[in-house]
Amino acid sequence: MLATILRYLFAIAGMAAVAYVVWKVVNRQEAKDAAFQKKLDDDDERAAKGRFGPPPK
């Protein structure tokens, strides 16, 4: 039982470490590349509009 719990905790810690490294790499790339940041901003705008345009008011 304890071995299973430790295995799951190790797996979760590993996933968190990978996520942190990816987050740092993306932040570093954003800081250096204005075109990359614009692509991310454009993607955020498209996502906010939704698939079929902005919601009706």
PDB file of N, CA and C in Angstrom:
ATOM      1  N   MET A   1       0.830  -1.196   0.000  1.00  0.00           N
ATOM      2  CA  MET A   1       0.000   0.000   0.000  1.00  0.00           C
ATOM      3  C   MET A   1       0.878   1.264   0.000  1.00  0.00           C
ATOM      4  N   LEU A   2       1.862   1.274   0.869  1.00  0.00           N
ATOM      5  CA  LEU A   2       2.744   2.441   0.949  1.00  0.00           C
ATOM      6  C   LEU A   2       3.534   2.607  -0.350  1.00  0.00           C
ATOM      7  N   ALA A   3       3.937   1.501  -0.948  1.00  0.00           N
ATOM      8  CA  ALA A   3       4.680   1.573  -2.203  1.00  0.00           C
ATOM      9  C   ALA A   3       3.823   2.189  -3.308  1.00  0.00           C
ATOM     10  N   THR A   4       2.541   1.859  -3.332  1.00  0.00           N
ATOM     11  CA  THR A   4       1.637   2.420  -4.341  1.00  0.00           C
ATOM     12  C   THR A   4       1.473   3.920  -4.143  1.00  0.00           C
ATOM     13  N   ILE A   5       1.316   4.329  -2.917  1.00  0.00           N
ATOM     14  CA  ILE A   5       1.168   5.758  -2.614  1.00  0.00           C
ATOM     15  C   ILE A   5       2.434   6.513  -3.016  1.00  0.00           C
ATOM     16  N   LEU A   6       3.580   5.954  -2.684  1.00  0.00           N
ATOM     17  CA  LEU A   6       4.845   6.613  -3.047  1.00  0.00           C
ATOM     18  C   LEU A   6       5.020   6.673  -4.557  1.00  0.00           C
ATOM     19  N   ARG A   7       4.598   5.626  -5.250  1.00  0.00           N
ATOM     20  CA  ARG A   7       4.703   5.606  -6.709  1.00  0.00           C
ATOM     21  C   ARG A   7       3.846   6.729  -7.311  1.00  0.00           C
ATOM     22  N   TYR A   8       2.621   6.882  -6.814  1.00  0.00           N
ATOM     23  CA  TYR A   8       1.751   7.947  -7.315  1.00  0.00           C
ATOM     24  C   TYR A   8       2.310   9.323  -6.981  1.00  0.00           C
ATOM     25  N   LEU A   9       2.828   9.498  -5.780  1.00  0.00           N
ATOM     26  CA  LEU A   9       3.416  10.788  -5.411  1.00  0.00           C
ATOM     27  C   LEU A   9       4.619  11.117  -6.296  1.00  0.00           C
ATOM     28  N   PHE A  10       5.444  10.116  -6.578  1.00  0.00           N
ATOM     29  CA  PHE A  10       6.592  10.323  -7.448  1.00  0.00           C
ATOM     30  C   PHE A  10       6.138  10.695  -8.859  1.00  0.00           C
ATOM     31  N   ALA A  11       5.090  10.041  -9.349  1.00  0.00           N
ATOM     32  CA  ALA A  11       4.574  10.344 -10.691  1.00  0.00           C
ATOM     33  C   ALA A  11       4.035  11.767 -10.752  1.00  0.00           C
ATOM     34  N   ILE A  12       3.300  12.171  -9.731  1.00  0.00           N
ATOM     35  CA  ILE A  12       2.746  13.533  -9.699  1.00  0.00           C
ATOM     36  C   ILE A  12       3.873  14.563  -9.616  1.00  0.00           C
ATOM     37  N   ALA A  13       4.869  14.297  -8.781  1.00  0.00           N
ATOM     38  CA  ALA A  13       6.001  15.223  -8.672  1.00  0.00           C
ATOM     39  C   ALA A  13       6.747  15.318 -10.004  1.00  0.00           C
ATOM     40  N   GLY A  14       6.885  14.214 -10.702  1.00  0.00           N
ATOM     41  CA  GLY A  14       7.545  14.230 -12.006  1.00  0.00           C
ATOM     42  C   GLY A  14       6.775  15.052 -13.020  1.00  0.00           C
ATOM     43  N   MET A  15       5.452  14.892 -13.041  1.00  0.00           N
ATOM     44  CA  MET A  15       4.629  15.678 -13.972  1.00  0.00           C
ATOM     45  C   MET A  15       4.716  17.165 -13.640  1.00  0.00           C
ATOM     46  N   ALA A  16       4.725  17.493 -12.358  1.00  0.00           N
ATOM     47  CA  ALA A  16       4.840  18.901 -11.953  1.00  0.00           C
ATOM     48  C   ALA A  16       6.193  19.473 -12.375  1.00  0.00           C
ATOM     49  N   ALA A  17       7.244  18.686 -12.256  1.00  0.00           N
ATOM     50  CA  ALA A  17       8.573  19.160 -12.658  1.00  0.00           C
ATOM     51  C   ALA A  17       8.629  19.411 -14.159  1.00  0.00           C
ATOM     52  N   VAL A  18       8.062  18.517 -14.946  1.00  0.00           N
ATOM     53  CA  VAL A  18       8.042  18.700 -16.398  1.00  0.00           C
ATOM     54  C   VAL A  18       7.233  19.941 -16.761  1.00  0.00           C
ATOM     55  N   ALA A  19       6.081  20.124 -16.121  1.00  0.00           N
ATOM     56  CA  ALA A  19       5.242  21.293 -16.397  1.00  0.00           C
ATOM     57  C   ALA A  19       5.987  22.584 -16.062  1.00  0.00           C
ATOM     58  N   TYR A  20       6.726  22.592 -14.964  1.00  0.00           N
ATOM     59  CA  TYR A  20       7.477  23.776 -14.572  1.00  0.00           C
ATOM     60  C   TYR A  20       8.561  24.115 -15.598  1.00  0.00           C
ATOM     61  N   VAL A  21       9.272  23.103 -16.059  1.00  0.00           N
ATOM     62  CA  VAL A  21      10.330  23.335 -17.044  1.00  0.00           C
ATOM     63  C   VAL A  21       9.735  23.873 -18.348  1.00  0.00           C
ATOM     64  N   VAL A  22       8.638  23.295 -18.797  1.00  0.00           N
ATOM     65  CA  VAL A  22       7.987  23.770 -20.028  1.00  0.00           C
ATOM     66  C   VAL A  22       7.518  25.204 -19.852  1.00  0.00           C
ATOM     67  N   TRP A  23       6.936  25.517 -18.698  1.00  0.00           N
ATOM     68  CA  TRP A  23       6.460  26.871 -18.419  1.00  0.00           C
ATOM     69  C   TRP A  23       7.615  27.875 -18.467  1.00  0.00           C
ATOM     70  N   LYS A  24       8.759  27.514 -17.884  1.00  0.00           N
ATOM     71  CA  LYS A  24       9.909  28.414 -17.905  1.00  0.00           C
ATOM     72  C   LYS A  24      10.439  28.609 -19.327  1.00  0.00           C
ATOM     73  N   VAL A  25      10.481  27.543 -20.119  1.00  0.00           N
ATOM     74  CA  VAL A  25      10.966  27.640 -21.497  1.00  0.00           C
ATOM     75  C   VAL A  25      10.053  28.541 -22.322  1.00  0.00           C
ATOM     76  N   VAL A  26       8.747  28.376 -22.178  1.00  0.00           N
ATOM     77  CA  VAL A  26       7.802  29.205 -22.933  1.00  0.00           C
ATOM     78  C   VAL A  26       7.916  30.657 -22.496  1.00  0.00           C
ATOM     79  N   ASN A  27       8.037  30.912 -21.206  1.00  0.00           N
ATOM     80  CA  ASN A  27       8.191  32.294 -20.735  1.00  0.00           C
ATOM     81  C   ASN A  27       9.465  32.927 -21.278  1.00  0.00           C
ATOM     82  N   ARG A  28      10.543  32.165 -21.331  1.00  0.00           N
ATOM     83  CA  ARG A  28      11.802  32.689 -21.870  1.00  0.00           C
ATOM     84  C   ARG A  28      11.652  33.007 -23.352  1.00  0.00           C
ATOM     85  N   GLN A  29      10.951  32.124 -24.080  1.00  0.00           N
ATOM     86  CA  GLN A  29      10.759  32.359 -25.512  1.00  0.00           C
ATOM     87  C   GLN A  29       9.871  33.585 -25.740  1.00  0.00           C
ATOM     88  N   GLU A  30       8.825  33.729 -24.910  1.00  0.00           N
ATOM     89  CA  GLU A  30       7.951  34.898 -25.042  1.00  0.00           C
ATOM     90  C   GLU A  30       8.730  36.187 -24.834  1.00  0.00           C
ATOM     91  N   ALA A  31       9.612  36.213 -23.866  1.00  0.00           N
ATOM     92  CA  ALA A  31      10.370  37.427 -23.544  1.00  0.00           C
ATOM     93  C   ALA A  31      11.312  37.814 -24.675  1.00  0.00           C
ATOM     94  N   LYS A  32      11.817  36.839 -25.409  1.00  0.00           N
ATOM     95  CA  LYS A  32      12.794  37.121 -26.463  1.00  0.00           C
ATOM     96  C   LYS A  32      12.165  37.352 -27.826  1.00  0.00           C
ATOM     97  N   ASP A  33      10.937  36.895 -28.048  1.00  0.00           N
ATOM     98  CA  ASP A  33      10.379  36.861 -29.399  1.00  0.00           C
ATOM     99  C   ASP A  33       9.025  37.564 -29.441  1.00  0.00           C
ATOM    100  N   ALA A  34       9.004  38.778 -29.978  1.00  0.00           N
ATOM    101  CA  ALA A  34       7.764  39.545 -30.057  1.00  0.00           C
ATOM    102  C   ALA A  34       6.762  38.880 -30.998  1.00  0.00           C
ATOM    103  N   ALA A  35       7.231  38.254 -32.070  1.00  0.00           N
ATOM    104  CA  ALA A  35       6.319  37.590 -33.013  1.00  0.00           C
ATOM    105  C   ALA A  35       5.628  36.407 -32.343  1.00  0.00           C
ATOM    106  N   PHE A  36       6.355  35.665 -31.507  1.00  0.00           N
ATOM    107  CA  PHE A  36       5.754  34.546 -30.780  1.00  0.00           C
ATOM    108  C   PHE A  36       4.683  35.054 -29.820  1.00  0.00           C
ATOM    109  N   GLN A  37       4.986  36.153 -29.132  1.00  0.00           N
ATOM    110  CA  GLN A  37       4.002  36.727 -28.212  1.00  0.00           C
ATOM    111  C   GLN A  37       2.760  37.175 -28.966  1.00  0.00           C
ATOM    112  N   LYS A  38       2.923  37.760 -30.153  1.00  0.00           N
ATOM    113  CA  LYS A  38       1.770  38.177 -30.942  1.00  0.00           C
ATOM    114  C   LYS A  38       0.919  36.973 -31.347  1.00  0.00           C
ATOM    115  N   LYS A  39       1.574  35.861 -31.725  1.00  0.00           N
ATOM    116  CA  LYS A  39       0.833  34.644 -32.074  1.00  0.00           C
ATOM    117  C   LYS A  39       0.012  34.148 -30.887  1.00  0.00           C
ATOM    118  N   LEU A  40       0.605  34.198 -29.685  1.00  0.00           N
ATOM    119  CA  LEU A  40      -0.122  33.766 -28.494  1.00  0.00           C
ATOM    120  C   LEU A  40      -1.303  34.693 -28.210  1.00  0.00           C
ATOM    121  N   ASP A  41      -1.087  36.003 -28.351  1.00  0.00           N
ATOM    122  CA  ASP A  41      -2.171  36.957 -28.124  1.00  0.00           C
ATOM    123  C   ASP A  41      -3.297  36.769 -29.133  1.00  0.00           C
ATOM    124  N   ASP A  42      -2.940  36.555 -30.399  1.00  0.00           N
ATOM    125  CA  ASP A  42      -3.956  36.310 -31.430  1.00  0.00           C
ATOM    126  C   ASP A  42      -4.748  35.039 -31.122  1.00  0.00           C
ATOM    127  N   ASP A  43      -4.059  34.011 -30.662  1.00  0.00           N
ATOM    128  CA  ASP A  43      -4.727  32.760 -30.304  1.00  0.00           C
ATOM    129  C   ASP A  43      -5.681  32.973 -29.129  1.00  0.00           C
ATOM    130  N   ASP A  44      -5.268  33.781 -28.155  1.00  0.00           N
ATOM    131  CA  ASP A  44      -6.146  34.093 -27.022  1.00  0.00           C
ATOM    132  C   ASP A  44      -7.399  34.821 -27.490  1.00  0.00           C
ATOM    133  N   GLU A  45      -7.245  35.751 -28.421  1.00  0.00           N
ATOM    134  CA  GLU A  45      -8.399  36.480 -28.947  1.00  0.00           C
ATOM    135  C   GLU A  45      -9.354  35.541 -29.678  1.00  0.00           C
ATOM    136  N   ARG A  46      -8.805  34.635 -30.503  1.00  0.00           N
ATOM    137  CA  ARG A  46      -9.657  33.660 -31.205  1.00  0.00           C
ATOM    138  C   ARG A  46     -10.391  32.761 -30.219  1.00  0.00           C
ATOM    139  N   ALA A  47      -9.722  32.351 -29.180  1.00  0.00           N
ATOM    140  CA  ALA A  47     -10.355  31.481 -28.184  1.00  0.00           C
ATOM    141  C   ALA A  47     -11.460  32.235 -27.439  1.00  0.00           C
ATOM    142  N   ALA A  48     -11.251  33.512 -27.185  1.00  0.00           N
ATOM    143  CA  ALA A  48     -12.266  34.296 -26.478  1.00  0.00           C
ATOM    144  C   ALA A  48     -13.515  34.480 -27.332  1.00  0.00           C
ATOM    145  N   LYS A  49     -13.348  34.555 -28.645  1.00  0.00           N
ATOM    146  CA  LYS A  49     -14.495  34.712 -29.538  1.00  0.00           C
ATOM    147  C   LYS A  49     -15.315  33.436 -29.637  1.00  0.00           C
ATOM    148  N   GLY A  50     -14.687  32.309 -29.458  1.00  0.00           N
ATOM    149  CA  GLY A  50     -15.393  31.040 -29.582  1.00  0.00           C
ATOM    150  C   GLY A  50     -15.369  30.553 -31.016  1.00  0.00           C
ATOM    151  N   ARG A  51     -15.918  29.388 -31.228  1.00  0.00           N
ATOM    152  CA  ARG A  51     -15.853  28.757 -32.541  1.00  0.00           C
ATOM    153  C   ARG A  51     -16.674  29.500 -33.590  1.00  0.00           C
ATOM    154  N   PHE A  52     -17.807  30.048 -33.182  1.00  0.00           N
ATOM    155  CA  PHE A  52     -18.729  30.676 -34.141  1.00  0.00           C
ATOM    156  C   PHE A  52     -18.823  32.185 -33.930  1.00  0.00           C
ATOM    157  N   GLY A  53     -17.771  32.793 -33.418  1.00  0.00           N
ATOM    158  CA  GLY A  53     -17.764  34.228 -33.219  1.00  0.00           C
ATOM    159  C   GLY A  53     -18.147  34.575 -31.801  1.00  0.00           C
ATOM    160  N   PRO A  54     -18.208  35.858 -31.507  1.00  0.00           N
ATOM    161  CA  PRO A  54     -18.519  36.285 -30.136  1.00  0.00           C
ATOM    162  C   PRO A  54     -19.950  35.923 -29.769  1.00  0.00           C
ATOM    163  N   PRO A  55     -20.222  35.739 -28.495  1.00  0.00           N
ATOM    164  CA  PRO A  55     -21.589  35.402 -28.073  1.00  0.00           C
ATOM    165  C   PRO A  55     -22.530  36.578 -28.299  1.00  0.00           C
ATOM    166  N   PRO A  56     -23.807  36.315 -28.554  1.00  0.00           N
ATOM    167  CA  PRO A  56     -24.763  37.408 -28.775  1.00  0.00           C
ATOM    168  C   PRO A  56     -24.962  38.207 -27.492  1.00  0.00           C
ATOM    169  N   LYS A  57     -25.225  39.492 -27.675  1.00  0.00           N
ATOM    170  CA  LYS A  57     -25.436  40.372 -26.508  1.00  0.00           C
ATOM    171  C   LYS A  57     -26.893  40.636 -26.268  1.00  0.00           C
TER     172      LYS A  57
END
